[in-house]
Amino acid sequence: MQDWQDYITGFFAGKAGDLWVWFDSLSRQEWLIVMAACCAFGFLFLKSGGHRGPC
């Protein structure tokens, strides 16, 4: 069981490191595009979460 947990932990730690390298390699214009996309996604996510009840 410990081997499986070590594998999962190592897998996600490696993916987080790869993601950080990708973010670190972005130019200023690419950062703006990524930030705009994240903001748009967040806005849509929060807007759709408001319809929870019948009222």
Protein backbone atom coordinates (compact mmCIF):
# COMPACT_ATOMS: atom_id res chain seq x y z
CA MET A 1 0.00 0.00 0.00
CA GLN A 2 2.86 2.40 0.77
CA ASP A 3 4.39 1.85 -2.68
CA TRP A 4 1.13 2.90 -4.33
CA GLN A 5 0.92 6.06 -2.22
CA ASP A 6 4.56 6.90 -2.97
CA TYR A 7 3.89 6.47 -6.69
CA ILE A 8 0.85 8.79 -6.62
CA THR A 9 2.70 11.40 -4.56
CA GLY A 10 5.68 11.31 -6.91
CA PHE A 11 3.45 11.48 -9.98
CA PHE A 12 1.64 14.62 -8.82
CA ALA A 13 4.84 16.22 -7.54
CA GLY A 14 6.41 15.70 -10.98
CA LYS A 15 3.35 17.13 -12.75
CA ALA A 16 3.36 20.19 -10.48
CA GLY A 17 7.02 20.76 -11.27
CA ASP A 18 6.36 20.43 -15.01
CA LEU A 19 3.47 22.87 -14.75
CA TRP A 20 5.63 25.40 -12.92
CA VAL A 21 8.35 25.11 -15.60
CA TRP A 22 5.69 25.77 -18.26
CA PHE A 23 4.35 28.83 -16.41
CA ASP A 24 7.87 30.10 -15.88
CA SER A 25 8.60 29.91 -19.62
CA LEU A 26 5.64 32.12 -20.65
CA SER A 27 6.20 35.58 -22.07
CA ARG A 28 4.28 38.64 -20.87
CA GLN A 29 1.70 38.38 -23.66
CA GLU A 30 1.19 34.67 -23.00
CA TRP A 31 0.69 35.41 -19.30
CA LEU A 32 -2.06 37.88 -20.18
CA ILE A 33 -3.81 35.27 -22.32
CA VAL A 34 -3.59 32.64 -19.55
CA MET A 35 -4.85 35.11 -16.93
CA ALA A 36 -7.76 36.21 -19.16
CA ALA A 37 -8.74 32.60 -19.81
CA CYS A 38 -8.62 31.76 -16.09
CA CYS A 39 -10.69 34.83 -15.20
CA ALA A 40 -13.28 33.99 -17.87
CA PHE A 41 -13.49 30.39 -16.67
CA GLY A 42 -13.83 31.53 -13.04
CA PHE A 43 -16.55 34.02 -13.94
CA LEU A 44 -18.54 31.39 -15.80
CA PHE A 45 -18.05 28.87 -13.00
CA LEU A 46 -19.25 31.30 -10.32
CA LYS A 47 -22.14 32.53 -12.47
CA SER A 48 -23.43 28.99 -13.03
CA GLY A 49 -23.18 28.14 -9.32
CA GLY A 50 -25.87 30.66 -8.39
CA HIS A 51 -28.79 28.46 -9.51
CA ARG A 52 -28.93 26.07 -6.57
CA GLY A 53 -32.44 26.43 -5.26
CA PRO A 54 -35.96 26.62 -6.68
CA CYS A 55 -36.27 30.33 -5.85
